[in-house]
Amino acid sequence: MPTIRDLVGAIRQREGVEAAVVLGRDGLLIDSQTVDEVDAEHIAAHVPSIVQFADEFGAAAQLGALQTAILEHERGMAVVCCLSADAVLLVLVQPSANLGQLLYELRRNRANIAALV
């Protein structure tokens, strides 16, 4: 059976992926693989507030809890995928990455990924 380390490694090996980070809802790092320039602990600490405000927005708009968020920035995108009540997956990708395929695979395999955490 694959491990969380295998999952993080497989995501990180995708073309255009600069970081794959699994963290707790408290922002503490569970596992990560990143390019040298990315500080996984530092970015993980910022994710819980994104999830919290997105959940609050979802409640106000009667959309429910956050499943996946895509944040587009000047030099790339961040995908925040809520795996369970306790874990979140953060993937940083370059603008040239095949984001559609990544999102499809994350959505299709969300339950399997969550079982690893």
N, C-alpha and C. Protein backbone atom coordinates (compact mmCIF):
# COMPACT_ATOMS: atom_id res chain seq x y z
N MET A 1 0.85 -1.19 0.00
CA MET A 1 0.00 0.00 0.00
C MET A 1 0.89 1.24 0.00
N PRO A 2 0.55 2.23 -0.83
CA PRO A 2 1.37 3.44 -0.87
C PRO A 2 1.29 4.22 0.44
N THR A 3 2.31 5.00 0.69
CA THR A 3 2.36 5.82 1.89
C THR A 3 2.16 7.28 1.51
N ILE A 4 2.04 8.12 2.51
CA ILE A 4 1.91 9.56 2.27
C ILE A 4 3.15 10.10 1.58
N ARG A 5 4.30 9.54 1.90
CA ARG A 5 5.55 9.95 1.25
C ARG A 5 5.52 9.61 -0.23
N ASP A 6 4.96 8.43 -0.57
CA ASP A 6 4.83 8.04 -1.97
C ASP A 6 3.93 9.02 -2.72
N LEU A 7 2.81 9.40 -2.09
CA LEU A 7 1.88 10.34 -2.69
C LEU A 7 2.56 11.68 -2.96
N VAL A 8 3.22 12.21 -1.95
CA VAL A 8 3.89 13.50 -2.09
C VAL A 8 4.95 13.42 -3.19
N GLY A 9 5.69 12.34 -3.23
CA GLY A 9 6.70 12.16 -4.26
C GLY A 9 6.11 12.09 -5.66
N ALA A 10 5.00 11.37 -5.80
CA ALA A 10 4.36 11.23 -7.11
C ALA A 10 3.83 12.58 -7.60
N ILE A 11 3.24 13.35 -6.72
CA ILE A 11 2.74 14.67 -7.12
C ILE A 11 3.89 15.59 -7.47
N ARG A 12 4.93 15.57 -6.68
CA ARG A 12 6.09 16.45 -6.90
C ARG A 12 6.79 16.14 -8.22
N GLN A 13 6.74 14.90 -8.66
CA GLN A 13 7.42 14.52 -9.91
C GLN A 13 6.69 14.98 -11.16
N ARG A 14 5.45 15.42 -11.01
CA ARG A 14 4.69 15.90 -12.17
C ARG A 14 5.38 17.13 -12.75
N GLU A 15 5.33 17.25 -14.05
CA GLU A 15 5.93 18.40 -14.72
C GLU A 15 5.26 19.69 -14.26
N GLY A 16 6.07 20.67 -13.85
CA GLY A 16 5.57 21.97 -13.43
C GLY A 16 5.22 22.09 -11.96
N VAL A 17 5.31 21.00 -11.21
CA VAL A 17 5.00 21.05 -9.78
C VAL A 17 6.25 21.42 -9.01
N GLU A 18 6.17 22.49 -8.23
CA GLU A 18 7.31 22.95 -7.45
C GLU A 18 7.26 22.49 -6.00
N ALA A 19 6.07 22.16 -5.52
CA ALA A 19 5.94 21.70 -4.13
C ALA A 19 4.68 20.89 -3.97
N ALA A 20 4.80 19.85 -3.17
CA ALA A 20 3.65 19.07 -2.72
C ALA A 20 3.78 18.97 -1.21
N VAL A 21 2.80 19.51 -0.50
CA VAL A 21 2.89 19.62 0.95
C VAL A 21 1.60 19.07 1.57
N VAL A 22 1.73 18.13 2.49
CA VAL A 22 0.60 17.67 3.26
C VAL A 22 0.75 18.24 4.65
N LEU A 23 -0.31 18.88 5.14
CA LEU A 23 -0.24 19.51 6.45
C LEU A 23 -1.53 19.27 7.21
N GLY A 24 -1.43 19.47 8.51
CA GLY A 24 -2.62 19.40 9.34
C GLY A 24 -3.41 20.69 9.23
N ARG A 25 -4.66 20.65 9.66
CA ARG A 25 -5.48 21.85 9.62
C ARG A 25 -4.94 22.94 10.53
N ASP A 26 -4.01 22.57 11.41
CA ASP A 26 -3.37 23.54 12.30
C ASP A 26 -2.15 24.18 11.67
N GLY A 27 -1.80 23.76 10.45
CA GLY A 27 -0.66 24.33 9.75
C GLY A 27 0.65 23.60 9.97
N LEU A 28 0.63 22.54 10.78
CA LEU A 28 1.86 21.78 11.00
C LEU A 28 2.11 20.82 9.85
N LEU A 29 3.35 20.76 9.44
CA LEU A 29 3.78 19.96 8.31
C LEU A 29 3.67 18.47 8.64
N ILE A 30 3.10 17.69 7.72
CA ILE A 30 3.07 16.24 7.85
C ILE A 30 4.14 15.64 6.96
N ASP A 31 4.18 16.08 5.70
CA ASP A 31 5.22 15.62 4.77
C ASP A 31 5.28 16.61 3.61
N SER A 32 6.42 16.69 2.96
CA SER A 32 6.56 17.60 1.83
C SER A 32 7.76 17.25 0.98
N GLN A 33 7.67 17.66 -0.28
CA GLN A 33 8.80 17.67 -1.19
C GLN A 33 8.68 18.96 -1.99
N THR A 34 9.76 19.73 -2.02
CA THR A 34 9.72 21.02 -2.70
C THR A 34 11.03 21.29 -3.43
N VAL A 35 10.98 22.26 -4.32
CA VAL A 35 12.22 22.76 -4.89
C VAL A 35 12.96 23.49 -3.76
N ASP A 36 14.24 23.72 -3.94
CA ASP A 36 15.07 24.30 -2.88
C ASP A 36 14.58 25.66 -2.40
N GLU A 37 13.99 26.45 -3.28
CA GLU A 37 13.60 27.82 -2.93
C GLU A 37 12.35 27.91 -2.06
N VAL A 38 11.62 26.82 -1.90
CA VAL A 38 10.35 26.84 -1.18
C VAL A 38 10.55 26.31 0.24
N ASP A 39 10.12 27.10 1.22
CA ASP A 39 10.17 26.71 2.63
C ASP A 39 8.81 26.11 2.99
N ALA A 40 8.74 24.79 3.03
CA ALA A 40 7.46 24.10 3.24
C ALA A 40 6.80 24.46 4.56
N GLU A 41 7.56 24.58 5.61
CA GLU A 41 6.98 24.92 6.91
C GLU A 41 6.39 26.33 6.90
N HIS A 42 7.07 27.24 6.25
CA HIS A 42 6.60 28.62 6.19
C HIS A 42 5.29 28.72 5.42
N ILE A 43 5.22 28.08 4.25
CA ILE A 43 3.98 28.19 3.47
C ILE A 43 2.85 27.39 4.12
N ALA A 44 3.17 26.27 4.76
CA ALA A 44 2.14 25.47 5.43
C ALA A 44 1.45 26.27 6.53
N ALA A 45 2.20 27.12 7.19
CA ALA A 45 1.64 27.91 8.29
C ALA A 45 0.56 28.88 7.81
N HIS A 46 0.56 29.23 6.53
CA HIS A 46 -0.42 30.18 5.99
C HIS A 46 -1.71 29.52 5.48
N VAL A 47 -1.68 28.25 5.26
CA VAL A 47 -2.82 27.56 4.64
C VAL A 47 -4.07 27.52 5.54
N PRO A 48 -3.95 27.28 6.84
CA PRO A 48 -5.18 27.20 7.66
C PRO A 48 -6.08 28.43 7.57
N SER A 49 -5.50 29.60 7.47
CA SER A 49 -6.34 30.79 7.37
C SER A 49 -7.07 30.84 6.03
N ILE A 50 -6.44 30.37 4.97
CA ILE A 50 -7.11 30.30 3.66
C ILE A 50 -8.31 29.37 3.76
N VAL A 51 -8.10 28.20 4.35
CA VAL A 51 -9.18 27.21 4.49
C VAL A 51 -10.29 27.76 5.37
N GLN A 52 -9.93 28.39 6.47
CA GLN A 52 -10.93 28.92 7.39
C GLN A 52 -11.83 29.94 6.70
N PHE A 53 -11.23 30.92 6.01
CA PHE A 53 -12.03 31.96 5.37
C PHE A 53 -12.82 31.40 4.19
N ALA A 54 -12.27 30.44 3.48
CA ALA A 54 -13.02 29.82 2.38
C ALA A 54 -14.20 29.03 2.92
N ASP A 55 -14.03 28.36 4.06
CA ASP A 55 -15.15 27.65 4.69
C ASP A 55 -16.23 28.63 5.14
N GLU A 56 -15.82 29.76 5.71
CA GLU A 56 -16.79 30.77 6.13
C GLU A 56 -17.54 31.34 4.93
N PHE A 57 -16.83 31.58 3.85
CA PHE A 57 -17.47 32.05 2.63
C PHE A 57 -18.46 31.01 2.12
N GLY A 58 -18.05 29.75 2.11
CA GLY A 58 -18.93 28.67 1.65
C GLY A 58 -20.20 28.57 2.49
N ALA A 59 -20.07 28.80 3.79
CA ALA A 59 -21.25 28.78 4.66
C ALA A 59 -22.17 29.96 4.34
N ALA A 60 -21.58 31.14 4.17
CA ALA A 60 -22.38 32.33 3.89
C ALA A 60 -23.09 32.23 2.54
N ALA A 61 -22.44 31.60 1.58
CA ALA A 61 -23.01 31.46 0.25
C ALA A 61 -23.82 30.17 0.11
N GLN A 62 -23.94 29.44 1.19
CA GLN A 62 -24.65 28.17 1.22
C GLN A 62 -24.09 27.17 0.22
N LEU A 63 -22.76 27.13 0.14
CA LEU A 63 -22.06 26.22 -0.76
C LEU A 63 -21.42 25.04 -0.02
N GLY A 64 -21.32 25.15 1.29
CA GLY A 64 -20.70 24.08 2.07
C GLY A 64 -19.22 24.33 2.28
N ALA A 65 -18.57 23.32 2.82
CA ALA A 65 -17.15 23.41 3.17
C ALA A 65 -16.27 23.40 1.92
N LEU A 66 -15.10 23.98 2.05
CA LEU A 66 -14.13 24.02 0.96
C LEU A 66 -13.67 22.60 0.61
N GLN A 67 -13.63 22.31 -0.67
CA GLN A 67 -13.06 21.07 -1.18
C GLN A 67 -11.69 21.36 -1.80
N THR A 68 -11.68 22.29 -2.76
CA THR A 68 -10.45 22.65 -3.46
C THR A 68 -10.49 24.14 -3.78
N ALA A 69 -9.35 24.79 -3.60
CA ALA A 69 -9.21 26.20 -3.97
C ALA A 69 -7.99 26.34 -4.86
N ILE A 70 -8.10 27.21 -5.84
CA ILE A 70 -6.98 27.50 -6.73
C ILE A 70 -6.68 28.98 -6.60
N LEU A 71 -5.46 29.27 -6.23
CA LEU A 71 -5.02 30.66 -6.06
C LEU A 71 -4.01 30.96 -7.17
N GLU A 72 -4.35 31.90 -8.02
CA GLU A 72 -3.45 32.25 -9.11
C GLU A 72 -2.66 33.50 -8.73
N HIS A 73 -1.36 33.38 -8.82
CA HIS A 73 -0.45 34.48 -8.49
C HIS A 73 0.36 34.85 -9.73
N GLU A 74 1.18 35.86 -9.63
CA GLU A 74 1.97 36.33 -10.77
C GLU A 74 2.87 35.25 -11.36
N ARG A 75 3.49 34.43 -10.50
CA ARG A 75 4.47 33.47 -10.98
C ARG A 75 4.07 32.02 -10.74
N GLY A 76 2.80 31.77 -10.59
CA GLY A 76 2.37 30.39 -10.42
C GLY A 76 1.05 30.30 -9.68
N MET A 77 0.66 29.07 -9.44
CA MET A 77 -0.62 28.83 -8.78
C MET A 77 -0.43 27.91 -7.58
N ALA A 78 -1.36 28.05 -6.65
CA ALA A 78 -1.40 27.18 -5.47
C ALA A 78 -2.75 26.46 -5.48
N VAL A 79 -2.71 25.15 -5.31
CA VAL A 79 -3.92 24.35 -5.20
C VAL A 79 -4.01 23.88 -3.76
N VAL A 80 -5.11 24.21 -3.11
CA VAL A 80 -5.36 23.79 -1.73
C VAL A 80 -6.49 22.79 -1.79
N CYS A 81 -6.21 21.57 -1.37
CA CYS A 81 -7.19 20.49 -1.46
C CYS A 81 -7.42 19.92 -0.05
N CYS A 82 -8.63 20.08 0.46
CA CYS A 82 -8.96 19.56 1.79
C CYS A 82 -9.20 18.06 1.67
N LEU A 83 -8.36 17.29 2.35
CA LEU A 83 -8.44 15.84 2.26
C LEU A 83 -9.39 15.25 3.29
N SER A 84 -9.38 15.84 4.48
CA SER A 84 -10.21 15.34 5.57
C SER A 84 -10.40 16.46 6.58
N ALA A 85 -11.03 16.13 7.69
CA ALA A 85 -11.21 17.13 8.76
C ALA A 85 -9.87 17.49 9.40
N ASP A 86 -8.85 16.68 9.14
CA ASP A 86 -7.56 16.89 9.79
C ASP A 86 -6.41 17.24 8.84
N ALA A 87 -6.58 17.05 7.54
CA ALA A 87 -5.44 17.18 6.64
C ALA A 87 -5.78 17.95 5.38
N VAL A 88 -4.76 18.65 4.87
CA VAL A 88 -4.86 19.47 3.67
C VAL A 88 -3.66 19.19 2.78
N LEU A 89 -3.87 19.18 1.48
CA LEU A 89 -2.79 19.05 0.51
C LEU A 89 -2.62 20.38 -0.19
N LEU A 90 -1.39 20.87 -0.24
CA LEU A 90 -1.05 22.09 -0.95
C LEU A 90 -0.09 21.73 -2.07
N VAL A 91 -0.42 22.16 -3.29
CA VAL A 91 0.45 21.91 -4.43
C VAL A 91 0.75 23.25 -5.09
N LEU A 92 2.02 23.58 -5.22
CA LEU A 92 2.44 24.79 -5.92
C LEU A 92 2.87 24.41 -7.32
N VAL A 93 2.31 25.09 -8.33
CA VAL A 93 2.61 24.75 -9.71
C VAL A 93 3.02 25.98 -10.51
N GLN A 94 3.84 25.74 -11.50
CA GLN A 94 4.24 26.79 -12.42
C GLN A 94 3.08 27.09 -13.36
N PRO A 95 3.05 28.29 -13.95
CA PRO A 95 1.96 28.63 -14.87
C PRO A 95 1.83 27.67 -16.04
N SER A 96 2.92 27.03 -16.43
CA SER A 96 2.91 26.13 -17.58
C SER A 96 2.42 24.72 -17.26
N ALA A 97 2.17 24.42 -16.00
CA ALA A 97 1.76 23.07 -15.59
C ALA A 97 0.38 22.73 -16.13
N ASN A 98 0.12 21.45 -16.32
CA ASN A 98 -1.19 20.98 -16.76
C ASN A 98 -2.11 20.93 -15.55
N LEU A 99 -2.68 22.06 -15.21
CA LEU A 99 -3.50 22.20 -14.01
C LEU A 99 -4.79 21.38 -14.12
N GLY A 100 -5.38 21.33 -15.29
CA GLY A 100 -6.61 20.58 -15.47
C GLY A 100 -6.44 19.11 -15.12
N GLN A 101 -5.39 18.51 -15.60
CA GLN A 101 -5.13 17.09 -15.32
C GLN A 101 -4.87 16.88 -13.84
N LEU A 102 -4.10 17.77 -13.22
CA LEU A 102 -3.82 17.66 -11.79
C LEU A 102 -5.12 17.74 -10.98
N LEU A 103 -5.96 18.72 -11.29
CA LEU A 103 -7.23 18.87 -10.57
C LEU A 103 -8.12 17.66 -10.75
N TYR A 104 -8.17 17.12 -11.95
CA TYR A 104 -8.97 15.93 -12.21
C TYR A 104 -8.50 14.76 -11.35
N GLU A 105 -7.19 14.54 -11.32
CA GLU A 105 -6.65 13.41 -10.55
C GLU A 105 -6.85 13.61 -9.05
N LEU A 106 -6.69 14.83 -8.56
CA LEU A 106 -6.91 15.08 -7.14
C LEU A 106 -8.37 14.83 -6.76
N ARG A 107 -9.27 15.30 -7.61
CA ARG A 107 -10.70 15.12 -7.32
C ARG A 107 -11.09 13.64 -7.39
N ARG A 108 -10.62 12.96 -8.41
CA ARG A 108 -10.95 11.55 -8.60
C ARG A 108 -10.39 10.67 -7.48
N ASN A 109 -9.22 11.05 -6.96
CA ASN A 109 -8.53 10.21 -5.97
C ASN A 109 -8.60 10.78 -4.56
N ARG A 110 -9.45 11.76 -4.29
CA ARG A 110 -9.49 12.42 -2.99
C ARG A 110 -9.67 11.42 -1.85
N ALA A 111 -10.58 10.48 -1.97
CA ALA A 111 -10.84 9.51 -0.90
C ALA A 111 -9.62 8.61 -0.67
N ASN A 112 -8.98 8.18 -1.76
CA ASN A 112 -7.80 7.34 -1.62
C ASN A 112 -6.64 8.10 -0.98
N ILE A 113 -6.48 9.35 -1.37
CA ILE A 113 -5.42 10.19 -0.79
C ILE A 113 -5.69 10.41 0.69
N ALA A 114 -6.95 10.72 1.02
CA ALA A 114 -7.32 10.97 2.42
C ALA A 114 -7.06 9.75 3.29
N ALA A 115 -7.24 8.55 2.72
CA ALA A 115 -7.02 7.32 3.49
C ALA A 115 -5.55 7.15 3.89
N LEU A 116 -4.64 7.80 3.17
CA LEU A 116 -3.22 7.70 3.48
C LEU A 116 -2.82 8.56 4.66
N VAL A 117 -3.60 9.59 4.93
CA VAL A 117 -3.23 10.55 5.98
C VAL A 117 -3.66 10.05 7.34
